[in-house]
């Protein structure tokens, strides 16, 4: 174990990855709840400041995803062009 590192951050990121890879809705919700719990634990270990608020925001986001919220869109909201129109 390395000194100065928050071990719960890596665990929370792994739980988020597990949730994204889950095929079952119940398993996905459980994994997001576990990730939120781990983000809370990571936030508890940090001093008040930027990192702590970031971890708390991650926990809140994962709780929303576990409750059935839609994932945040990665693009600007535009749908991809129809492939037939590209040629």
N, C-alpha and C. Protein backbone atom coordinates (compact mmCIF):
# COMPACT_ATOMS: atom_id res chain seq x y z
N UNK A 1 0.85 -1.17 0.00
CA UNK A 1 0.00 0.00 0.00
C UNK A 1 0.89 1.23 0.00
N UNK A 2 0.59 2.16 -0.86
CA UNK A 2 1.41 3.37 -0.94
C UNK A 2 0.88 4.43 0.02
N UNK A 3 1.77 5.24 0.50
CA UNK A 3 1.40 6.30 1.43
C UNK A 3 0.93 7.52 0.65
N UNK A 4 -0.07 8.19 1.20
CA UNK A 4 -0.56 9.41 0.58
C UNK A 4 -1.62 9.21 -0.48
N UNK A 5 -1.94 8.00 -0.79
CA UNK A 5 -2.95 7.72 -1.81
C UNK A 5 -4.24 7.26 -1.14
N UNK A 6 -5.35 7.64 -1.72
CA UNK A 6 -6.65 7.25 -1.20
C UNK A 6 -7.04 5.93 -1.88
N UNK A 7 -7.06 4.82 -1.15
CA UNK A 7 -7.33 3.53 -1.78
C UNK A 7 -8.76 3.37 -2.28
N UNK A 8 -9.67 4.18 -1.77
CA UNK A 8 -11.07 4.03 -2.15
C UNK A 8 -11.36 4.60 -3.55
N UNK A 9 -10.49 5.45 -4.04
CA UNK A 9 -10.69 6.04 -5.37
C UNK A 9 -10.58 4.95 -6.44
N UNK A 10 -9.54 4.15 -6.38
CA UNK A 10 -9.36 3.08 -7.37
C UNK A 10 -10.49 2.06 -7.27
N UNK A 11 -10.91 1.77 -6.05
CA UNK A 11 -12.01 0.81 -5.87
C UNK A 11 -13.31 1.36 -6.44
N UNK A 12 -13.56 2.65 -6.25
CA UNK A 12 -14.77 3.27 -6.78
C UNK A 12 -14.75 3.28 -8.31
N UNK A 13 -13.60 3.58 -8.88
CA UNK A 13 -13.48 3.57 -10.34
C UNK A 13 -13.69 2.16 -10.89
N UNK A 14 -13.19 1.15 -10.20
CA UNK A 14 -13.39 -0.23 -10.63
C UNK A 14 -14.86 -0.62 -10.53
N UNK A 15 -15.54 -0.15 -9.49
CA UNK A 15 -16.97 -0.45 -9.34
C UNK A 15 -17.78 0.23 -10.44
N UNK A 16 -17.39 1.44 -10.83
CA UNK A 16 -18.08 2.11 -11.94
C UNK A 16 -17.88 1.35 -13.24
N UNK A 17 -16.67 0.86 -13.46
CA UNK A 17 -16.40 0.07 -14.67
C UNK A 17 -17.23 -1.21 -14.66
N UNK A 18 -17.34 -1.84 -13.50
CA UNK A 18 -18.14 -3.05 -13.37
C UNK A 18 -19.60 -2.75 -13.67
N UNK A 19 -20.09 -1.59 -13.24
CA UNK A 19 -21.47 -1.21 -13.50
C UNK A 19 -21.69 -0.96 -14.99
N UNK A 20 -20.74 -0.34 -15.65
CA UNK A 20 -20.88 -0.08 -17.08
C UNK A 20 -20.86 -1.37 -17.88
N UNK A 21 -20.14 -2.37 -17.40
CA UNK A 21 -20.03 -3.64 -18.11
C UNK A 21 -21.16 -4.61 -17.78
N UNK A 22 -21.96 -4.30 -16.77
CA UNK A 22 -23.03 -5.21 -16.34
C UNK A 22 -24.11 -5.30 -17.41
N UNK A 23 -24.61 -6.51 -17.60
CA UNK A 23 -25.68 -6.72 -18.59
C UNK A 23 -27.06 -6.70 -17.95
N UNK A 24 -27.13 -6.98 -16.67
CA UNK A 24 -28.39 -7.03 -15.94
C UNK A 24 -28.64 -5.69 -15.25
N UNK A 25 -29.88 -5.21 -15.29
CA UNK A 25 -30.21 -3.92 -14.67
C UNK A 25 -29.98 -3.94 -13.16
N UNK A 26 -30.35 -5.05 -12.50
CA UNK A 26 -30.16 -5.14 -11.05
C UNK A 26 -28.68 -5.14 -10.69
N UNK A 27 -27.88 -5.85 -11.45
CA UNK A 27 -26.44 -5.88 -11.19
C UNK A 27 -25.82 -4.50 -11.43
N UNK A 28 -26.30 -3.81 -12.45
CA UNK A 28 -25.79 -2.47 -12.75
C UNK A 28 -26.12 -1.51 -11.60
N UNK A 29 -27.36 -1.58 -11.11
CA UNK A 29 -27.77 -0.70 -10.01
C UNK A 29 -26.95 -0.99 -8.75
N UNK A 30 -26.74 -2.28 -8.45
CA UNK A 30 -25.95 -2.65 -7.27
C UNK A 30 -24.51 -2.13 -7.39
N UNK A 31 -23.94 -2.27 -8.57
CA UNK A 31 -22.56 -1.82 -8.78
C UNK A 31 -22.46 -0.30 -8.67
N UNK A 32 -23.45 0.43 -9.19
CA UNK A 32 -23.43 1.89 -9.06
C UNK A 32 -23.60 2.31 -7.60
N UNK A 33 -24.43 1.59 -6.85
CA UNK A 33 -24.58 1.91 -5.42
C UNK A 33 -23.29 1.63 -4.67
N UNK A 34 -22.62 0.55 -5.01
CA UNK A 34 -21.33 0.24 -4.38
C UNK A 34 -20.30 1.32 -4.73
N UNK A 35 -20.30 1.76 -5.98
CA UNK A 35 -19.37 2.82 -6.38
C UNK A 35 -19.67 4.11 -5.62
N UNK A 36 -20.95 4.44 -5.45
CA UNK A 36 -21.32 5.64 -4.69
C UNK A 36 -20.84 5.54 -3.25
N UNK A 37 -20.99 4.36 -2.66
CA UNK A 37 -20.52 4.15 -1.28
C UNK A 37 -19.00 4.34 -1.20
N UNK A 38 -18.29 3.81 -2.17
CA UNK A 38 -16.83 3.95 -2.16
C UNK A 38 -16.40 5.39 -2.41
N UNK A 39 -17.14 6.12 -3.24
CA UNK A 39 -16.82 7.55 -3.43
C UNK A 39 -17.05 8.31 -2.13
N UNK A 40 -18.11 7.94 -1.38
CA UNK A 40 -18.33 8.57 -0.08
C UNK A 40 -17.17 8.30 0.87
N UNK A 41 -16.70 7.07 0.88
CA UNK A 41 -15.57 6.72 1.74
C UNK A 41 -14.31 7.47 1.32
N UNK A 42 -14.12 7.63 0.02
CA UNK A 42 -12.97 8.39 -0.46
C UNK A 42 -13.08 9.85 -0.04
N UNK A 43 -14.29 10.40 -0.10
CA UNK A 43 -14.50 11.80 0.29
C UNK A 43 -14.24 12.00 1.78
N UNK A 44 -14.60 11.01 2.59
CA UNK A 44 -14.37 11.12 4.03
C UNK A 44 -12.89 11.22 4.37
N UNK A 45 -12.06 10.63 3.56
CA UNK A 45 -10.61 10.63 3.84
C UNK A 45 -9.91 11.90 3.37
N UNK A 46 -10.61 12.70 2.58
CA UNK A 46 -10.00 13.93 2.06
C UNK A 46 -10.32 15.12 2.95
N UNK A 47 -9.45 16.10 2.92
CA UNK A 47 -9.71 17.37 3.61
C UNK A 47 -10.72 18.14 2.78
N UNK A 48 -11.48 19.04 3.41
CA UNK A 48 -12.43 19.85 2.63
C UNK A 48 -11.69 20.60 1.52
N UNK A 49 -12.25 20.52 0.34
CA UNK A 49 -11.61 21.18 -0.80
C UNK A 49 -12.08 20.58 -2.10
N UNK A 50 -11.29 20.80 -3.12
CA UNK A 50 -11.64 20.42 -4.48
C UNK A 50 -11.84 18.91 -4.64
N UNK A 51 -10.90 18.12 -4.15
CA UNK A 51 -11.00 16.67 -4.31
C UNK A 51 -12.22 16.11 -3.58
N UNK A 52 -12.46 16.61 -2.39
CA UNK A 52 -13.59 16.10 -1.60
C UNK A 52 -14.91 16.39 -2.32
N UNK A 53 -15.08 17.60 -2.84
CA UNK A 53 -16.32 17.92 -3.54
C UNK A 53 -16.44 17.11 -4.83
N UNK A 54 -15.34 16.86 -5.49
CA UNK A 54 -15.36 16.03 -6.70
C UNK A 54 -15.84 14.61 -6.37
N UNK A 55 -15.32 14.04 -5.30
CA UNK A 55 -15.71 12.69 -4.90
C UNK A 55 -17.18 12.65 -4.48
N UNK A 56 -17.65 13.70 -3.81
CA UNK A 56 -19.05 13.75 -3.41
C UNK A 56 -19.96 13.86 -4.64
N UNK A 57 -19.53 14.62 -5.64
CA UNK A 57 -20.30 14.73 -6.88
C UNK A 57 -20.35 13.39 -7.61
N UNK A 58 -19.24 12.66 -7.61
CA UNK A 58 -19.22 11.34 -8.24
C UNK A 58 -20.18 10.40 -7.52
N UNK A 59 -20.23 10.47 -6.20
CA UNK A 59 -21.14 9.62 -5.43
C UNK A 59 -22.59 9.94 -5.78
N UNK A 60 -22.91 11.22 -5.86
CA UNK A 60 -24.28 11.63 -6.19
C UNK A 60 -24.66 11.18 -7.61
N UNK A 61 -23.73 11.33 -8.56
CA UNK A 61 -23.99 10.90 -9.93
C UNK A 61 -24.26 9.40 -10.00
N UNK A 62 -23.46 8.61 -9.27
CA UNK A 62 -23.64 7.16 -9.29
C UNK A 62 -24.95 6.76 -8.63
N UNK A 63 -25.38 7.49 -7.61
CA UNK A 63 -26.68 7.19 -7.00
C UNK A 63 -27.81 7.45 -7.99
N UNK A 64 -27.71 8.54 -8.74
CA UNK A 64 -28.73 8.85 -9.75
C UNK A 64 -28.77 7.77 -10.82
N UNK A 65 -27.60 7.30 -11.24
CA UNK A 65 -27.55 6.24 -12.24
C UNK A 65 -28.13 4.94 -11.69
N UNK A 66 -27.90 4.67 -10.42
CA UNK A 66 -28.44 3.46 -9.80
C UNK A 66 -29.96 3.52 -9.70
N UNK A 67 -30.49 4.72 -9.51
CA UNK A 67 -31.94 4.89 -9.40
C UNK A 67 -32.63 4.93 -10.75
N UNK A 68 -31.89 4.74 -11.82
CA UNK A 68 -32.49 4.67 -13.14
C UNK A 68 -32.34 5.93 -13.95
N UNK A 69 -31.50 6.84 -13.52
CA UNK A 69 -31.25 8.05 -14.28
C UNK A 69 -30.50 7.72 -15.56
N UNK A 70 -30.70 8.54 -16.56
CA UNK A 70 -30.01 8.31 -17.83
C UNK A 70 -28.55 8.73 -17.70
N UNK A 71 -27.65 7.98 -18.31
CA UNK A 71 -26.25 8.39 -18.28
C UNK A 71 -26.06 9.70 -19.02
N UNK A 72 -25.04 10.44 -18.62
CA UNK A 72 -24.77 11.72 -19.24
C UNK A 72 -24.32 11.51 -20.69
N UNK A 73 -24.87 12.28 -21.63
CA UNK A 73 -24.44 12.12 -23.02
C UNK A 73 -23.01 12.61 -23.19
N UNK A 74 -22.24 11.89 -23.98
CA UNK A 74 -20.85 12.24 -24.21
C UNK A 74 -20.69 13.23 -25.36
N UNK A 75 -21.70 13.34 -26.20
CA UNK A 75 -21.59 14.23 -27.36
C UNK A 75 -22.39 15.51 -27.11
N UNK A 76 -22.54 16.31 -28.15
CA UNK A 76 -23.22 17.59 -28.01
C UNK A 76 -24.72 17.50 -28.23
N UNK A 77 -25.29 16.31 -28.21
CA UNK A 77 -26.72 16.14 -28.35
C UNK A 77 -27.19 15.90 -29.77
N UNK A 78 -26.29 15.94 -30.74
CA UNK A 78 -26.67 15.71 -32.13
C UNK A 78 -26.61 14.22 -32.42
N UNK A 79 -27.57 13.76 -33.21
CA UNK A 79 -27.55 12.35 -33.60
C UNK A 79 -26.54 12.15 -34.73
N UNK A 80 -25.97 10.96 -34.84
CA UNK A 80 -25.01 10.72 -35.91
C UNK A 80 -25.70 10.77 -37.27
N UNK A 81 -24.99 11.16 -38.31
CA UNK A 81 -25.60 11.24 -39.65
C UNK A 81 -25.94 9.85 -40.19
N UNK A 82 -26.94 9.82 -41.04
CA UNK A 82 -27.34 8.57 -41.67
C UNK A 82 -26.24 8.13 -42.63
N UNK A 83 -25.73 6.89 -42.50
CA UNK A 83 -24.64 6.43 -43.37
C UNK A 83 -24.99 6.45 -44.85
N UNK A 84 -26.27 6.30 -45.19
CA UNK A 84 -26.68 6.30 -46.59
C UNK A 84 -26.51 7.68 -47.22
N UNK A 85 -26.60 8.71 -46.40
CA UNK A 85 -26.48 10.07 -46.92
C UNK A 85 -25.03 10.52 -47.06
N UNK A 86 -24.10 9.79 -46.48
CA UNK A 86 -22.70 10.18 -46.54
C UNK A 86 -22.06 9.88 -47.89
N UNK A 87 -22.58 8.93 -48.62
CA UNK A 87 -21.96 8.54 -49.89
C UNK A 87 -22.51 9.31 -51.03
